[in-house]
Amino acid sequence: MKLINEKGKLFGVINVVDLLVLLAAIAVVIGVGYKLFAPQITEIASPQVPMTVVVRVRGATPFLVEELQRNDQVGKQLVSGNSYTSAKITDMQIEDYVQQVTTADGRIVNATDPSKKDIIFTIETTVPKDTASPSIGTQEIRAGRTMIVKTNDFETTGNIEMVDIADSAE
C-alpha cells in the first residue's frame, strides 16, 4: 500500500490538504480550550489561600474624593484589562493628607493639607498557596510597589502598604 495514492489521498483515506486543515482546526480548538480553562485547572491543582492588600492613594484631589463619596467602591470587583478578577474592595477609608513642610524658622513639621486626602483601600482575594509571585490580574502584589485600583467605573493608582497572605486554606 502506498503512503499517498494516485488521487492524492493519504493511505487511500483522506486528502493531504484536508488532513492539514483538520489538524490546524484541532490545534485552534486546543489553544482556545487551554486559554479558557488553564486558570481554572491551576486553581484546582493548587489550594487557594486568602490574601489581603492595603493600598494608599496619597494626596488625592478633592474631585476624586467627592467621586468616591458619591460612588462607593466597597464591594466592587477589581478589573484587569477588560476582565473582572476575583479580588474585591472590602473597605475604603478617607483620611487627612499629612505632609512635612519647612517653617519660616527652618524647622520641619507635619502639616495637614486643607483640601487633599489619603484614600486607603482594603482589597481581598485568593492566591495559590506558597506562590512566589502573588498577583491580582496581571499586577504582581508586593508591599512598596504601585498598584492600579480599577473597577468598572473607577481607576486610580496607589502604593501597596501591606500584603497579608494566609498560611493555609481556611
Foldseek 3Di string as FASTA:
>chain_A
DDCADPVCAGVPPHHPVVVVVVVVVVVVVVVVCCVVCVVVVVCVVFPKFKKKWKWKDAFAFQVQVVVCVVPPQAQFFFDDDHHTWQKGFHDKDKAWHWDWDADPVGDIDIDTDPGTIMMMTMMMGIDGAPDPFDDTHPGTDDAQDKDWGHGPVDIDITGTHDMDTDNDHD
